[in-house]
């Protein structure tokens, strides 16, 4: 029994991970309720997924709150820009449907609006993870995200698959078929998201001017370098 309850036991580690995923999901959903905070909450979701869930550093709430406070302003600006863009596209699509329903020109316009919406969504797959890692202005984040989304296209496809699967999980949860999904979908998606995303971000680590070593001669690495 003592061996089973040992924190180093594989079963206990798995249970601890499941608990952290559920706890992170609950925090994320609560912080998304005001709507305007979705950007900051999503930035924190990725940060905690990479640091706590993936690399077992620190604690879920501590890191979530710290990242949320630090990135609230730029994340909110980016989120509101996206909300405004999609609101405008939705309005324009509806206007096209009303005024140019049978027009070929209207069909081209609708296709263009949908293409813009898809491109913006693809770019957004990188926006909040990048913000959680780098101290950059919102417009620079958008430019960098646009570059990375096409430079690492296969990784981008993997990220999109994870997001689509997460969306289906949330849909199933809201329809009442399996409401338990809502407790685990955000955290699970965030954890899975770190695998392709961290593989990309490691390629853009700044070169160290000075390496640090501990008393045993082992190089000291930042958590995201492991």
C-alpha atoms as a PDB file:
ATOM      1  CA  UNK A   1       0.000   0.000   0.000  1.00  0.00           C
ATOM      2  CA  UNK A   2       2.806   2.380   0.936  1.00  0.00           C
ATOM      3  CA  UNK A   3       4.490   1.603  -2.375  1.00  0.00           C
ATOM      4  CA  UNK A   4       1.262   2.337  -4.265  1.00  0.00           C
ATOM      5  CA  UNK A   5       0.846   5.718  -2.556  1.00  0.00           C
ATOM      6  CA  UNK A   6       4.442   6.736  -3.242  1.00  0.00           C
ATOM      7  CA  UNK A   7       4.492   9.913  -5.368  1.00  0.00           C
ATOM      8  CA  UNK A   8       7.108   8.340  -7.646  1.00  0.00           C
ATOM      9  CA  UNK A   9       4.783   5.459  -8.454  1.00  0.00           C
ATOM     10  CA  UNK A  10       3.681   5.412 -12.105  1.00  0.00           C
ATOM     11  CA  UNK A  11       0.003   5.155 -11.170  1.00  0.00           C
ATOM     12  CA  UNK A  12       0.230   8.126  -8.798  1.00  0.00           C
ATOM     13  CA  UNK A  13       2.051  10.204 -11.393  1.00  0.00           C
ATOM     14  CA  UNK A  14      -0.663   9.422 -13.934  1.00  0.00           C
ATOM     15  CA  UNK A  15      -3.416  10.331 -11.455  1.00  0.00           C
ATOM     16  CA  UNK A  16      -1.606  13.538 -10.584  1.00  0.00           C
ATOM     17  CA  UNK A  17      -1.356  14.423 -14.281  1.00  0.00           C
ATOM     18  CA  UNK A  18      -5.070  13.752 -14.813  1.00  0.00           C
ATOM     19  CA  UNK A  19      -5.910  15.926 -11.815  1.00  0.00           C
ATOM     20  CA  UNK A  20      -3.726  18.771 -13.127  1.00  0.00           C
ATOM     21  CA  UNK A  21      -5.363  18.526 -16.558  1.00  0.00           C
ATOM     22  CA  UNK A  22      -8.845  18.706 -15.006  1.00  0.00           C
ATOM     23  CA  UNK A  23      -7.859  21.555 -12.682  1.00  0.00           C
ATOM     24  CA  UNK A  24      -6.302  23.526 -15.550  1.00  0.00           C
ATOM     25  CA  UNK A  25      -9.426  22.990 -17.671  1.00  0.00           C
ATOM     26  CA  UNK A  26     -11.691  24.302 -14.919  1.00  0.00           C
ATOM     27  CA  UNK A  27      -9.531  27.393 -14.346  1.00  0.00           C
ATOM     28  CA  UNK A  28      -9.416  28.074 -18.076  1.00  0.00           C
ATOM     29  CA  UNK A  29     -13.191  27.815 -18.526  1.00  0.00           C
ATOM     30  CA  UNK A  30     -13.827  30.096 -15.530  1.00  0.00           C
ATOM     31  CA  UNK A  31     -11.381  32.715 -16.812  1.00  0.00           C
ATOM     32  CA  UNK A  32     -12.991  32.607 -20.262  1.00  0.00           C
ATOM     33  CA  UNK A  33     -16.465  33.434 -18.932  1.00  0.00           C
ATOM     34  CA  UNK A  34     -15.997  37.248 -19.130  1.00  0.00           C
ATOM     35  CA  UNK A  35     -15.249  36.680 -22.879  1.00  0.00           C
ATOM     36  CA  UNK A  36     -12.874  39.646 -23.091  1.00  0.00           C
ATOM     37  CA  UNK A  37     -10.327  37.596 -21.096  1.00  0.00           C
ATOM     38  CA  UNK A  38     -10.262  34.647 -23.520  1.00  0.00           C
ATOM     39  CA  UNK A  39      -6.960  35.747 -25.073  1.00  0.00           C
ATOM     40  CA  UNK A  40      -5.139  36.026 -21.749  1.00  0.00           C
ATOM     41  CA  UNK A  41      -6.690  32.760 -20.540  1.00  0.00           C
ATOM     42  CA  UNK A  42      -5.609  30.923 -23.706  1.00  0.00           C
ATOM     43  CA  UNK A  43      -2.069  32.295 -23.382  1.00  0.00           C
ATOM     44  CA  UNK A  44      -1.954  31.020 -19.801  1.00  0.00           C
ATOM     45  CA  UNK A  45      -3.451  27.665 -20.834  1.00  0.00           C
ATOM     46  CA  UNK A  46      -0.571  27.026 -23.206  1.00  0.00           C
ATOM     47  CA  UNK A  47       2.068  28.294 -20.771  1.00  0.00           C
ATOM     48  CA  UNK A  48       0.872  25.988 -17.985  1.00  0.00           C
ATOM     49  CA  UNK A  49       0.509  23.073 -20.393  1.00  0.00           C
ATOM     50  CA  UNK A  50       4.126  23.450 -21.508  1.00  0.00           C
ATOM     51  CA  UNK A  51       5.697  24.214 -18.131  1.00  0.00           C
ATOM     52  CA  UNK A  52       3.601  22.275 -15.614  1.00  0.00           C
ATOM     53  CA  UNK A  53       1.892  19.460 -17.533  1.00  0.00           C
ATOM     54  CA  UNK A  54       4.705  18.740 -19.966  1.00  0.00           C
ATOM     55  CA  UNK A  55       7.795  19.412 -17.845  1.00  0.00           C
ATOM     56  CA  UNK A  56       6.441  19.029 -14.310  1.00  0.00           C
ATOM     57  CA  UNK A  57       7.616  22.439 -13.146  1.00  0.00           C
ATOM     58  CA  UNK A  58       5.781  24.461 -10.471  1.00  0.00           C
ATOM     59  CA  UNK A  59       1.986  24.363  -9.966  1.00  0.00           C
ATOM     60  CA  UNK A  60      -1.039  24.888 -12.187  1.00  0.00           C
ATOM     61  CA  UNK A  61      -2.684  27.827 -10.407  1.00  0.00           C
ATOM     62  CA  UNK A  62       0.555  29.669  -9.611  1.00  0.00           C
ATOM     63  CA  UNK A  63       1.777  29.630 -13.207  1.00  0.00           C
ATOM     64  CA  UNK A  64      -1.648  30.311 -14.709  1.00  0.00           C
ATOM     65  CA  UNK A  65      -2.219  33.412 -12.604  1.00  0.00           C
ATOM     66  CA  UNK A  66       1.329  34.681 -13.129  1.00  0.00           C
ATOM     67  CA  UNK A  67       1.104  34.331 -16.922  1.00  0.00           C
ATOM     68  CA  UNK A  68      -2.415  35.771 -16.983  1.00  0.00           C
ATOM     69  CA  UNK A  69      -1.323  38.952 -15.193  1.00  0.00           C
ATOM     70  CA  UNK A  70       1.865  39.350 -17.213  1.00  0.00           C
ATOM     71  CA  UNK A  71       0.247  38.933 -20.638  1.00  0.00           C
ATOM     72  CA  UNK A  72      -3.205  40.357 -19.996  1.00  0.00           C
ATOM     73  CA  UNK A  73      -2.766  43.568 -21.999  1.00  0.00           C
ATOM     74  CA  UNK A  74      -1.156  42.210 -25.211  1.00  0.00           C
ATOM     75  CA  UNK A  75      -3.302  39.048 -25.159  1.00  0.00           C
ATOM     76  CA  UNK A  76      -6.482  41.107 -24.784  1.00  0.00           C
ATOM     77  CA  UNK A  77      -5.448  43.423 -27.638  1.00  0.00           C
ATOM     78  CA  UNK A  78      -4.838  40.424 -29.906  1.00  0.00           C
ATOM     79  CA  UNK A  79      -8.074  38.744 -28.876  1.00  0.00           C
ATOM     80  CA  UNK A  80     -10.115  41.909 -29.494  1.00  0.00           C
ATOM     81  CA  UNK A  81      -8.461  42.334 -32.906  1.00  0.00           C
ATOM     82  CA  UNK A  82      -9.523  38.801 -33.803  1.00  0.00           C
ATOM     83  CA  UNK A  83     -13.022  39.321 -32.414  1.00  0.00           C
ATOM     84  CA  UNK A  84     -13.380  42.521 -34.452  1.00  0.00           C
ATOM     85  CA  UNK A  85     -12.088  40.806 -37.606  1.00  0.00           C
ATOM     86  CA  UNK A  86     -14.450  37.859 -37.317  1.00  0.00           C
ATOM     87  CA  UNK A  87     -17.326  40.148 -36.426  1.00  0.00           C
ATOM     88  CA  UNK A  88     -16.678  42.210 -39.551  1.00  0.00           C
ATOM     89  CA  UNK A  89     -16.364  39.092 -41.724  1.00  0.00           C
ATOM     90  CA  UNK A  90     -19.606  37.698 -40.317  1.00  0.00           C
ATOM     91  CA  UNK A  91     -21.391  40.985 -40.993  1.00  0.00           C
ATOM     92  CA  UNK A  92     -20.045  41.137 -44.550  1.00  0.00           C
ATOM     93  CA  UNK A  93     -21.023  37.529 -45.253  1.00  0.00           C
ATOM     94  CA  UNK A  94     -24.543  38.244 -44.103  1.00  0.00           C
ATOM     95  CA  UNK A  95     -24.698  41.378 -46.239  1.00  0.00           C
ATOM     96  CA  UNK A  96     -23.508  39.414 -49.267  1.00  0.00           C
ATOM     97  CA  UNK A  97     -26.184  36.803 -48.591  1.00  0.00           C
ATOM     98  CA  UNK A  98     -28.884  39.481 -48.455  1.00  0.00           C
ATOM     99  CA  UNK A  99     -27.853  41.700 -51.366  1.00  0.00           C
ATOM    100  CA  UNK A 100     -25.972  39.391 -53.764  1.00  0.00           C
ATOM    101  CA  UNK A 101     -27.562  36.028 -53.140  1.00  0.00           C
ATOM    102  CA  UNK A 102     -27.705  34.972 -56.787  1.00  0.00           C
ATOM    103  CA  UNK A 103     -24.808  37.078 -58.068  1.00  0.00           C
ATOM    104  CA  UNK A 104     -21.521  35.537 -59.199  1.00  0.00           C
ATOM    105  CA  UNK A 105     -19.776  38.582 -57.748  1.00  0.00           C
ATOM    106  CA  UNK A 106     -21.423  37.872 -54.417  1.00  0.00           C
ATOM    107  CA  UNK A 107     -20.125  34.305 -54.531  1.00  0.00           C
ATOM    108  CA  UNK A 108     -16.579  35.544 -55.088  1.00  0.00           C
ATOM    109  CA  UNK A 109     -16.899  37.952 -52.187  1.00  0.00           C
ATOM    110  CA  UNK A 110     -18.221  35.249 -49.868  1.00  0.00           C
ATOM    111  CA  UNK A 111     -15.348  32.966 -50.884  1.00  0.00           C
ATOM    112  CA  UNK A 112     -12.839  35.743 -50.200  1.00  0.00           C
ATOM    113  CA  UNK A 113     -14.293  36.396 -46.732  1.00  0.00           C
ATOM    114  CA  UNK A 114     -14.196  32.698 -45.870  1.00  0.00           C
ATOM    115  CA  UNK A 115     -10.591  32.442 -47.101  1.00  0.00           C
ATOM    116  CA  UNK A 116      -9.614  35.392 -44.881  1.00  0.00           C
ATOM    117  CA  UNK A 117     -11.352  33.771 -41.903  1.00  0.00           C
ATOM    118  CA  UNK A 118      -9.503  30.466 -42.471  1.00  0.00           C
ATOM    119  CA  UNK A 119      -6.136  32.225 -42.877  1.00  0.00           C
ATOM    120  CA  UNK A 120      -6.714  34.248 -39.706  1.00  0.00           C
ATOM    121  CA  UNK A 121      -7.571  31.062 -37.802  1.00  0.00           C
ATOM    122  CA  UNK A 122      -4.412  29.336 -39.054  1.00  0.00           C
ATOM    123  CA  UNK A 123      -2.298  32.283 -37.908  1.00  0.00           C
ATOM    124  CA  UNK A 124      -4.078  32.286 -34.554  1.00  0.00           C
ATOM    125  CA  UNK A 125      -2.837  28.740 -33.855  1.00  0.00           C
ATOM    126  CA  UNK A 126       0.546  30.323 -33.115  1.00  0.00           C
ATOM    127  CA  UNK A 127      -0.414  33.695 -31.645  1.00  0.00           C
ATOM    128  CA  UNK A 128      -1.082  32.842 -28.001  1.00  0.00           C
ATOM    129  CA  UNK A 129       1.654  30.191 -27.569  1.00  0.00           C
ATOM    130  CA  UNK A 130       4.169  32.698 -28.970  1.00  0.00           C
ATOM    131  CA  UNK A 131       2.886  35.382 -26.632  1.00  0.00           C
ATOM    132  CA  UNK A 132       3.316  33.032 -23.670  1.00  0.00           C
ATOM    133  CA  UNK A 133       6.994  32.581 -24.528  1.00  0.00           C
ATOM    134  CA  UNK A 134       8.226  35.838 -26.065  1.00  0.00           C
ATOM    135  CA  UNK A 135       8.007  39.461 -25.027  1.00  0.00           C
ATOM    136  CA  UNK A 136       6.910  40.993 -28.341  1.00  0.00           C
ATOM    137  CA  UNK A 137       4.412  43.622 -29.398  1.00  0.00           C
ATOM    138  CA  UNK A 138       1.063  42.352 -30.754  1.00  0.00           C
ATOM    139  CA  UNK A 139       1.757  43.243 -34.398  1.00  0.00           C
ATOM    140  CA  UNK A 140       5.134  41.509 -34.299  1.00  0.00           C
ATOM    141  CA  UNK A 141       3.459  38.436 -32.804  1.00  0.00           C
ATOM    142  CA  UNK A 142       1.009  38.416 -35.722  1.00  0.00           C
ATOM    143  CA  UNK A 143       3.767  38.726 -38.323  1.00  0.00           C
ATOM    144  CA  UNK A 144       5.832  36.001 -36.686  1.00  0.00           C
ATOM    145  CA  UNK A 145       2.768  33.754 -36.424  1.00  0.00           C
ATOM    146  CA  UNK A 146       2.001  34.242 -40.117  1.00  0.00           C
ATOM    147  CA  UNK A 147       5.567  33.293 -41.030  1.00  0.00           C
ATOM    148  CA  UNK A 148       5.628  30.211 -38.782  1.00  0.00           C
ATOM    149  CA  UNK A 149       2.230  28.928 -39.896  1.00  0.00           C
ATOM    150  CA  UNK A 150       3.534  28.459 -43.438  1.00  0.00           C
ATOM    151  CA  UNK A 151       7.190  27.803 -42.637  1.00  0.00           C
ATOM    152  CA  UNK A 152       6.132  24.813 -40.492  1.00  0.00           C
ATOM    153  CA  UNK A 153       3.054  23.785 -42.442  1.00  0.00           C
ATOM    154  CA  UNK A 154       3.000  20.105 -41.376  1.00  0.00           C
ATOM    155  CA  UNK A 155       3.169  21.141 -37.725  1.00  0.00           C
ATOM    156  CA  UNK A 156       0.403  23.638 -38.429  1.00  0.00           C
ATOM    157  CA  UNK A 157      -1.797  20.824 -39.746  1.00  0.00           C
ATOM    158  CA  UNK A 158      -1.161  18.849 -36.548  1.00  0.00           C
ATOM    159  CA  UNK A 159      -2.131  21.871 -34.449  1.00  0.00           C
ATOM    160  CA  UNK A 160      -5.317  22.329 -36.468  1.00  0.00           C
ATOM    161  CA  UNK A 161      -6.248  18.663 -35.970  1.00  0.00           C
ATOM    162  CA  UNK A 162      -5.868  19.095 -32.205  1.00  0.00           C
ATOM    163  CA  UNK A 163      -8.040  22.231 -32.238  1.00  0.00           C
ATOM    164  CA  UNK A 164     -10.747  20.577 -34.351  1.00  0.00           C
ATOM    165  CA  UNK A 165     -10.769  17.547 -32.040  1.00  0.00           C
ATOM    166  CA  UNK A 166     -11.010  19.868 -29.026  1.00  0.00           C
ATOM    167  CA  UNK A 167     -13.913  21.710 -30.664  1.00  0.00           C
ATOM    168  CA  UNK A 168     -15.734  18.419 -31.219  1.00  0.00           C
ATOM    169  CA  UNK A 169     -15.097  17.470 -27.597  1.00  0.00           C
ATOM    170  CA  UNK A 170     -16.587  20.755 -26.378  1.00  0.00           C
ATOM    171  CA  UNK A 171     -19.571  20.297 -28.716  1.00  0.00           C
ATOM    172  CA  UNK A 172     -20.202  16.800 -27.364  1.00  0.00           C
ATOM    173  CA  UNK A 173     -19.921  18.138 -23.820  1.00  0.00           C
ATOM    174  CA  UNK A 174     -22.382  20.984 -24.419  1.00  0.00           C
ATOM    175  CA  UNK A 175     -24.919  18.744 -26.139  1.00  0.00           C
ATOM    176  CA  UNK A 176     -25.120  16.747 -22.921  1.00  0.00           C
ATOM    177  CA  UNK A 177     -23.935  13.443 -24.333  1.00  0.00           C
ATOM    178  CA  UNK A 178     -20.741  13.457 -22.249  1.00  0.00           C
ATOM    179  CA  UNK A 179     -20.522  16.636 -20.120  1.00  0.00           C
ATOM    180  CA  UNK A 180     -17.388  15.298 -18.436  1.00  0.00           C
ATOM    181  CA  UNK A 181     -15.557  16.278 -21.642  1.00  0.00           C
ATOM    182  CA  UNK A 182     -15.824  19.921 -20.612  1.00  0.00           C
ATOM    183  CA  UNK A 183     -13.691  19.194 -17.541  1.00  0.00           C
ATOM    184  CA  UNK A 184     -10.823  17.675 -19.478  1.00  0.00           C
ATOM    185  CA  UNK A 185     -10.912  18.985 -23.068  1.00  0.00           C
ATOM    186  CA  UNK A 186      -9.032  22.312 -22.613  1.00  0.00           C
ATOM    187  CA  UNK A 187      -6.254  20.812 -20.496  1.00  0.00           C
ATOM    188  CA  UNK A 188      -5.875  17.742 -22.696  1.00  0.00           C
ATOM    189  CA  UNK A 189      -5.810  19.852 -25.852  1.00  0.00           C
ATOM    190  CA  UNK A 190      -3.253  22.190 -24.290  1.00  0.00           C
ATOM    191  CA  UNK A 191      -1.037  19.270 -23.305  1.00  0.00           C
ATOM    192  CA  UNK A 192      -1.197  17.677 -26.774  1.00  0.00           C
ATOM    193  CA  UNK A 193      -0.633  21.080 -28.359  1.00  0.00           C
ATOM    194  CA  UNK A 194       2.768  21.383 -26.686  1.00  0.00           C
ATOM    195  CA  UNK A 195       4.260  18.479 -28.646  1.00  0.00           C
ATOM    196  CA  UNK A 196       4.250  20.032 -32.142  1.00  0.00           C
ATOM    197  CA  UNK A 197       4.493  23.588 -30.811  1.00  0.00           C
ATOM    198  CA  UNK A 198       7.478  23.046 -28.520  1.00  0.00           C
ATOM    199  CA  UNK A 199       9.271  21.228 -31.327  1.00  0.00           C
ATOM    200  CA  UNK A 200       8.920  24.412 -33.387  1.00  0.00           C
ATOM    201  CA  UNK A 201       9.726  26.885 -30.619  1.00  0.00           C
ATOM    202  CA  UNK A 202      12.998  25.140 -29.806  1.00  0.00           C
ATOM    203  CA  UNK A 203      14.207  26.099 -33.267  1.00  0.00           C
ATOM    204  CA  UNK A 204      13.894  29.771 -32.339  1.00  0.00           C
ATOM    205  CA  UNK A 205      15.667  29.763 -28.982  1.00  0.00           C
ATOM    206  CA  UNK A 206      18.063  32.714 -28.698  1.00  0.00           C
ATOM    207  CA  UNK A 207      21.723  31.834 -28.555  1.00  0.00           C
ATOM    208  CA  UNK A 208      23.173  32.042 -25.078  1.00  0.00           C
ATOM    209  CA  UNK A 209      25.969  34.499 -24.503  1.00  0.00           C
ATOM    210  CA  UNK A 210      27.000  32.683 -21.349  1.00  0.00           C
ATOM    211  CA  UNK A 211      26.313  29.109 -20.271  1.00  0.00           C
ATOM    212  CA  UNK A 212      25.707  28.351 -16.602  1.00  0.00           C
ATOM    213  CA  UNK A 213      26.655  25.132 -14.797  1.00  0.00           C
ATOM    214  CA  UNK A 214      25.825  23.707 -11.391  1.00  0.00           C
ATOM    215  CA  UNK A 215      28.355  22.480  -8.841  1.00  0.00           C
ATOM    216  CA  UNK A 216      28.509  19.082 -10.570  1.00  0.00           C
ATOM    217  CA  UNK A 217      29.368  20.602 -13.931  1.00  0.00           C
ATOM    218  CA  UNK A 218      25.916  19.990 -15.414  1.00  0.00           C
ATOM    219  CA  UNK A 219      24.642  22.810 -17.611  1.00  0.00           C
ATOM    220  CA  UNK A 220      21.696  24.689 -16.132  1.00  0.00           C
ATOM    221  CA  UNK A 221      18.880  24.920 -18.657  1.00  0.00           C
ATOM    222  CA  UNK A 222      15.694  26.945 -18.667  1.00  0.00           C
ATOM    223  CA  UNK A 223      12.563  24.789 -18.353  1.00  0.00           C
ATOM    224  CA  UNK A 224      11.675  25.255 -22.038  1.00  0.00           C
ATOM    225  CA  UNK A 225      15.127  24.088 -23.161  1.00  0.00           C
ATOM    226  CA  UNK A 226      14.774  20.618 -21.673  1.00  0.00           C
END
